Amino acid sequence: MPKIKTKRGAAKRFRKTGSGKFKRKKAYRSHILSTKDRKRKRRLRKPAYADKTNHRKLQRQMPYA
């Protein structure tokens, strides 16, 4: 059986935690930041976790994570 390739796009966007969850960055933090208030930008800094419904898809895309 050959090795399974990792989807590189998923590998760059997600990291697997010790408990098996997938950590991701929040959206809307890349540009046009002057119109967003300080509180909103501060909340966007913190990491988020991928939804449970996407867990199986992410597991298939990153088999060795």
PDB file of N, CA and C in Angstrom:
ATOM      1  N   MET A   1       0.835  -1.187   0.000  1.00  0.00           N
ATOM      2  CA  MET A   1       0.000   0.000   0.000  1.00  0.00           C
ATOM      3  C   MET A   1       0.878   1.249   0.000  1.00  0.00           C
ATOM      4  N   PRO A   2       0.696   2.144  -0.940  1.00  0.00           N
ATOM      5  CA  PRO A   2       1.516   3.357  -0.951  1.00  0.00           C
ATOM      6  C   PRO A   2       1.098   4.333   0.144  1.00  0.00           C
ATOM      7  N   LYS A   3       1.999   5.239   0.443  1.00  0.00           N
ATOM      8  CA  LYS A   3       1.689   6.267   1.435  1.00  0.00           C
ATOM      9  C   LYS A   3       0.643   7.223   0.879  1.00  0.00           C
ATOM     10  N   ILE A   4      -0.147   7.817   1.758  1.00  0.00           N
ATOM     11  CA  ILE A   4      -1.178   8.784   1.361  1.00  0.00           C
ATOM     12  C   ILE A   4      -0.565  10.171   1.404  1.00  0.00           C
ATOM     13  N   LYS A   5      -0.821  10.967   0.377  1.00  0.00           N
ATOM     14  CA  LYS A   5      -0.304  12.330   0.349  1.00  0.00           C
ATOM     15  C   LYS A   5      -1.164  13.239   1.205  1.00  0.00           C
ATOM     16  N   THR A   6      -0.510  14.169   1.871  1.00  0.00           N
ATOM     17  CA  THR A   6      -1.191  15.188   2.666  1.00  0.00           C
ATOM     18  C   THR A   6      -1.627  16.313   1.749  1.00  0.00           C
ATOM     19  N   LYS A   7      -2.855  16.808   1.951  1.00  0.00           N
ATOM     20  CA  LYS A   7      -3.322  17.985   1.210  1.00  0.00           C
ATOM     21  C   LYS A   7      -2.606  19.192   1.787  1.00  0.00           C
ATOM     22  N   ARG A   8      -1.729  19.804   1.000  1.00  0.00           N
ATOM     23  CA  ARG A   8      -0.875  20.867   1.520  1.00  0.00           C
ATOM     24  C   ARG A   8      -1.657  22.097   1.947  1.00  0.00           C
ATOM     25  N   GLY A   9      -2.750  22.402   1.264  1.00  0.00           N
ATOM     26  CA  GLY A   9      -3.565  23.553   1.643  1.00  0.00           C
ATOM     27  C   GLY A   9      -4.129  23.397   3.043  1.00  0.00           C
ATOM     28  N   ALA A  10      -4.567  22.194   3.375  1.00  0.00           N
ATOM     29  CA  ALA A  10      -5.110  21.919   4.706  1.00  0.00           C
ATOM     30  C   ALA A  10      -4.004  21.945   5.753  1.00  0.00           C
ATOM     31  N   ALA A  11      -2.837  21.421   5.400  1.00  0.00           N
ATOM     32  CA  ALA A  11      -1.712  21.383   6.339  1.00  0.00           C
ATOM     33  C   ALA A  11      -1.244  22.777   6.718  1.00  0.00           C
ATOM     34  N   LYS A  12      -1.373  23.731   5.796  1.00  0.00           N
ATOM     35  CA  LYS A  12      -0.959  25.099   6.073  1.00  0.00           C
ATOM     36  C   LYS A  12      -1.987  25.848   6.917  1.00  0.00           C
ATOM     37  N   ARG A  13      -3.233  25.408   6.884  1.00  0.00           N
ATOM     38  CA  ARG A  13      -4.304  26.124   7.582  1.00  0.00           C
ATOM     39  C   ARG A  13      -4.658  25.550   8.946  1.00  0.00           C
ATOM     40  N   PHE A  14      -4.374  24.286   9.173  1.00  0.00           N
ATOM     41  CA  PHE A  14      -4.800  23.615  10.402  1.00  0.00           C
ATOM     42  C   PHE A  14      -3.625  22.950  11.099  1.00  0.00           C
ATOM     43  N   ARG A  15      -3.722  22.877  12.431  1.00  0.00           N
ATOM     44  CA  ARG A  15      -2.761  22.129  13.241  1.00  0.00           C
ATOM     45  C   ARG A  15      -3.565  21.229  14.167  1.00  0.00           C
ATOM     46  N   LYS A  16      -3.082  20.026  14.368  1.00  0.00           N
ATOM     47  CA  LYS A  16      -3.778  19.100  15.253  1.00  0.00           C
ATOM     48  C   LYS A  16      -3.267  19.299  16.682  1.00  0.00           C
ATOM     49  N   THR A  17      -4.190  19.366  17.638  1.00  0.00           N
ATOM     50  CA  THR A  17      -3.822  19.560  19.036  1.00  0.00           C
ATOM     51  C   THR A  17      -3.618  18.200  19.703  1.00  0.00           C
ATOM     52  N   GLY A  18      -3.175  18.228  20.925  1.00  0.00           N
ATOM     53  CA  GLY A  18      -2.950  16.993  21.666  1.00  0.00           C
ATOM     54  C   GLY A  18      -4.211  16.195  21.916  1.00  0.00           C
ATOM     55  N   SER A  19      -5.332  16.898  22.021  1.00  0.00           N
ATOM     56  CA  SER A  19      -6.609  16.217  22.277  1.00  0.00           C
ATOM     57  C   SER A  19      -7.272  15.738  20.990  1.00  0.00           C
ATOM     58  N   GLY A  20      -6.641  16.032  19.834  1.00  0.00           N
ATOM     59  CA  GLY A  20      -7.180  15.551  18.567  1.00  0.00           C
ATOM     60  C   GLY A  20      -8.035  16.551  17.814  1.00  0.00           C
ATOM     61  N   LYS A  21      -8.200  17.743  18.375  1.00  0.00           N
ATOM     62  CA  LYS A  21      -8.965  18.778  17.673  1.00  0.00           C
ATOM     63  C   LYS A  21      -8.069  19.439  16.636  1.00  0.00           C
ATOM     64  N   PHE A  22      -8.701  20.154  15.705  1.00  0.00           N
ATOM     65  CA  PHE A  22      -7.947  20.890  14.693  1.00  0.00           C
ATOM     66  C   PHE A  22      -8.062  22.378  14.970  1.00  0.00           C
ATOM     67  N   LYS A  23      -6.905  23.014  15.180  1.00  0.00           N
ATOM     68  CA  LYS A  23      -6.853  24.435  15.482  1.00  0.00           C
ATOM     69  C   LYS A  23      -6.702  25.214  14.185  1.00  0.00           C
ATOM     70  N   ARG A  24      -7.364  26.373  14.102  1.00  0.00           N
ATOM     71  CA  ARG A  24      -7.297  27.206  12.904  1.00  0.00           C
ATOM     72  C   ARG A  24      -7.244  28.662  13.309  1.00  0.00           C
ATOM     73  N   LYS A  25      -6.902  29.523  12.353  1.00  0.00           N
ATOM     74  CA  LYS A  25      -6.938  30.967  12.587  1.00  0.00           C
ATOM     75  C   LYS A  25      -8.297  31.496  12.178  1.00  0.00           C
ATOM     76  N   LYS A  26      -8.667  32.617  12.761  1.00  0.00           N
ATOM     77  CA  LYS A  26      -9.945  33.235  12.413  1.00  0.00           C
ATOM     78  C   LYS A  26      -9.805  34.072  11.150  1.00  0.00           C
ATOM     79  N   ALA A  27     -10.892  34.217  10.452  1.00  0.00           N
ATOM     80  CA  ALA A  27     -10.910  34.982   9.207  1.00  0.00           C
ATOM     81  C   ALA A  27     -11.070  36.476   9.505  1.00  0.00           C
ATOM     82  N   TYR A  28     -10.957  37.292   8.477  1.00  0.00           N
ATOM     83  CA  TYR A  28     -11.161  38.751   8.536  1.00  0.00           C
ATOM     84  C   TYR A  28     -10.084  39.484   9.324  1.00  0.00           C
ATOM     85  N   ARG A  29      -8.855  39.010   9.256  1.00  0.00           N
ATOM     86  CA  ARG A  29      -7.767  39.652   9.994  1.00  0.00           C
ATOM     87  C   ARG A  29      -6.614  40.032   9.063  1.00  0.00           C
ATOM     88  N   SER A  30      -6.834  40.004   7.751  1.00  0.00           N
ATOM     89  CA  SER A  30      -5.714  40.204   6.838  1.00  0.00           C
ATOM     90  C   SER A  30      -5.590  41.629   6.307  1.00  0.00           C
ATOM     91  N   HIS A  31      -6.672  42.288   6.003  1.00  0.00           N
ATOM     92  CA  HIS A  31      -6.574  43.645   5.453  1.00  0.00           C
ATOM     93  C   HIS A  31      -7.839  44.427   5.786  1.00  0.00           C
ATOM     94  N   ILE A  32      -7.823  45.727   5.448  1.00  0.00           N
ATOM     95  CA  ILE A  32      -8.898  46.679   5.793  1.00  0.00           C
ATOM     96  C   ILE A  32      -9.151  46.640   7.307  1.00  0.00           C
ATOM     97  N   LEU A  33      -8.067  46.789   8.056  1.00  0.00           N
ATOM     98  CA  LEU A  33      -8.172  46.712   9.514  1.00  0.00           C
ATOM     99  C   LEU A  33      -8.523  48.054  10.145  1.00  0.00           C
ATOM    100  N   SER A  34      -8.399  49.124   9.392  1.00  0.00           N
ATOM    101  CA  SER A  34      -8.673  50.447   9.965  1.00  0.00           C
ATOM    102  C   SER A  34     -10.155  50.645  10.270  1.00  0.00           C
ATOM    103  N   THR A  35     -11.036  49.946   9.572  1.00  0.00           N
ATOM    104  CA  THR A  35     -12.475  50.099   9.816  1.00  0.00           C
ATOM    105  C   THR A  35     -12.982  49.191  10.931  1.00  0.00           C
ATOM    106  N   LYS A  36     -12.171  48.229  11.330  1.00  0.00           N
ATOM    107  CA  LYS A  36     -12.574  47.303  12.394  1.00  0.00           C
ATOM    108  C   LYS A  36     -12.107  47.857  13.732  1.00  0.00           C
ATOM    109  N   ASP A  37     -12.960  47.776  14.729  1.00  0.00           N
ATOM    110  CA  ASP A  37     -12.588  48.348  16.021  1.00  0.00           C
ATOM    111  C   ASP A  37     -11.592  47.452  16.760  1.00  0.00           C
ATOM    112  N   ARG A  38     -10.955  48.040  17.760  1.00  0.00           N
ATOM    113  CA  ARG A  38      -9.869  47.402  18.493  1.00  0.00           C
ATOM    114  C   ARG A  38     -10.301  46.087  19.140  1.00  0.00           C
ATOM    115  N   LYS A  39     -11.491  46.098  19.698  1.00  0.00           N
ATOM    116  CA  LYS A  39     -12.009  44.914  20.383  1.00  0.00           C
ATOM    117  C   LYS A  39     -12.176  43.740  19.416  1.00  0.00           C
ATOM    118  N   ARG A  40     -12.699  44.045  18.240  1.00  0.00           N
ATOM    119  CA  ARG A  40     -12.917  43.008  17.228  1.00  0.00           C
ATOM    120  C   ARG A  40     -11.596  42.401  16.749  1.00  0.00           C
ATOM    121  N   LYS A  41     -10.608  43.266  16.524  1.00  0.00           N
ATOM    122  CA  LYS A  41      -9.300  42.797  16.073  1.00  0.00           C
ATOM    123  C   LYS A  41      -8.619  41.951  17.150  1.00  0.00           C
ATOM    124  N   ARG A  42      -8.810  42.321  18.384  1.00  0.00           N
ATOM    125  CA  ARG A  42      -8.236  41.575  19.493  1.00  0.00           C
ATOM    126  C   ARG A  42      -8.845  40.177  19.586  1.00  0.00           C
ATOM    127  N   ARG A  43     -10.150  40.081  19.387  1.00  0.00           N
ATOM    128  CA  ARG A  43     -10.827  38.773  19.402  1.00  0.00           C
ATOM    129  C   ARG A  43     -10.397  37.891  18.237  1.00  0.00           C
ATOM    130  N   LEU A  44     -10.103  38.527  17.106  1.00  0.00           N
ATOM    131  CA  LEU A  44      -9.692  37.763  15.927  1.00  0.00           C
ATOM    132  C   LEU A  44      -8.286  37.182  16.055  1.00  0.00           C
ATOM    133  N   ARG A  45      -7.493  37.699  16.998  1.00  0.00           N
ATOM    134  CA  ARG A  45      -6.143  37.179  17.214  1.00  0.00           C
ATOM    135  C   ARG A  45      -6.151  35.760  17.769  1.00  0.00           C
ATOM    136  N   LYS A  46      -7.151  35.459  18.576  1.00  0.00           N
ATOM    137  CA  LYS A  46      -7.180  34.182  19.279  1.00  0.00           C
ATOM    138  C   LYS A  46      -7.519  33.038  18.326  1.00  0.00           C
ATOM    139  N   PRO A  47      -6.958  31.853  18.558  1.00  0.00           N
ATOM    140  CA  PRO A  47      -7.240  30.733  17.669  1.00  0.00           C
ATOM    141  C   PRO A  47      -8.658  30.201  17.855  1.00  0.00           C
ATOM    142  N   ALA A  48      -9.134  29.529  16.826  1.00  0.00           N
ATOM    143  CA  ALA A  48     -10.442  28.888  16.876  1.00  0.00           C
ATOM    144  C   ALA A  48     -10.223  27.414  16.562  1.00  0.00           C
ATOM    145  N   TYR A  49     -11.265  26.626  16.708  1.00  0.00           N
ATOM    146  CA  TYR A  49     -11.174  25.203  16.430  1.00  0.00           C
ATOM    147  C   TYR A  49     -12.139  24.833  15.321  1.00  0.00           C
ATOM    148  N   ALA A  50     -11.717  23.907  14.485  1.00  0.00           N
ATOM    149  CA  ALA A  50     -12.564  23.453  13.388  1.00  0.00           C
ATOM    150  C   ALA A  50     -13.782  22.745  13.967  1.00  0.00           C
ATOM    151  N   ASP A  51     -14.887  22.858  13.278  1.00  0.00           N
ATOM    152  CA  ASP A  51     -16.136  22.270  13.720  1.00  0.00           C
ATOM    153  C   ASP A  51     -16.054  20.746  13.697  1.00  0.00           C
ATOM    154  N   LYS A  52     -16.791  20.092  14.591  1.00  0.00           N
ATOM    155  CA  LYS A  52     -16.804  18.630  14.671  1.00  0.00           C
ATOM    156  C   LYS A  52     -17.276  17.991  13.369  1.00  0.00           C
ATOM    157  N   THR A  53     -18.160  18.685  12.652  1.00  0.00           N
ATOM    158  CA  THR A  53     -18.685  18.124  11.413  1.00  0.00           C
ATOM    159  C   THR A  53     -17.622  18.019  10.332  1.00  0.00           C
ATOM    160  N   ASN A  54     -16.566  18.807  10.424  1.00  0.00           N
ATOM    161  CA  ASN A  54     -15.480  18.766   9.446  1.00  0.00           C
ATOM    162  C   ASN A  54     -14.315  17.881   9.875  1.00  0.00           C
ATOM    163  N   HIS A  55     -14.422  17.262  11.049  1.00  0.00           N
ATOM    164  CA  HIS A  55     -13.312  16.505  11.625  1.00  0.00           C
ATOM    165  C   HIS A  55     -12.878  15.342  10.723  1.00  0.00           C
ATOM    166  N   ARG A  56     -13.826  14.591  10.205  1.00  0.00           N
ATOM    167  CA  ARG A  56     -13.494  13.428   9.379  1.00  0.00           C
ATOM    168  C   ARG A  56     -12.823  13.855   8.072  1.00  0.00           C
ATOM    169  N   LYS A  57     -13.301  14.944   7.476  1.00  0.00           N
ATOM    170  CA  LYS A  57     -12.694  15.449   6.241  1.00  0.00           C
ATOM    171  C   LYS A  57     -11.252  15.875   6.478  1.00  0.00           C
ATOM    172  N   LEU A  58     -11.020  16.588   7.578  1.00  0.00           N
ATOM    173  CA  LEU A  58      -9.667  17.040   7.894  1.00  0.00           C
ATOM    174  C   LEU A  58      -8.753  15.867   8.188  1.00  0.00           C
ATOM    175  N   GLN A  59      -9.283  14.841   8.834  1.00  0.00           N
ATOM    176  CA  GLN A  59      -8.515  13.648   9.151  1.00  0.00           C
ATOM    177  C   GLN A  59      -8.055  12.954   7.867  1.00  0.00           C
ATOM    178  N   ARG A  60      -8.926  12.924   6.866  1.00  0.00           N
ATOM    179  CA  ARG A  60      -8.575  12.313   5.577  1.00  0.00           C
ATOM    180  C   ARG A  60      -7.567  13.167   4.804  1.00  0.00           C
ATOM    181  N   GLN A  61      -7.700  14.477   4.913  1.00  0.00           N
ATOM    182  CA  GLN A  61      -6.793  15.365   4.184  1.00  0.00           C
ATOM    183  C   GLN A  61      -5.400  15.380   4.792  1.00  0.00           C
ATOM    184  N   MET A  62      -5.323  15.155   6.108  1.00  0.00           N
ATOM    185  CA  MET A  62      -4.028  15.159   6.789  1.00  0.00           C
ATOM    186  C   MET A  62      -3.870  13.846   7.567  1.00  0.00           C
ATOM    187  N   PRO A  63      -3.545  12.752   6.882  1.00  0.00           N
ATOM    188  CA  PRO A  63      -3.508  11.451   7.532  1.00  0.00           C
ATOM    189  C   PRO A  63      -2.384  11.291   8.575  1.00  0.00           C
ATOM    190  N   TYR A  64      -1.331  12.079   8.476  1.00  0.00           N
ATOM    191  CA  TYR A  64      -0.202  11.920   9.401  1.00  0.00           C
ATOM    192  C   TYR A  64      -0.076  13.049  10.405  1.00  0.00           C
ATOM    193  N   ALA A  65      -1.094  13.899  10.503  1.00  0.00           N
ATOM    194  CA  ALA A  65      -1.064  15.033  11.436  1.00  0.00           C
ATOM    195  C   ALA A  65      -1.259  14.553  12.858  1.00  0.00           C
TER     196      ALA A  65
END
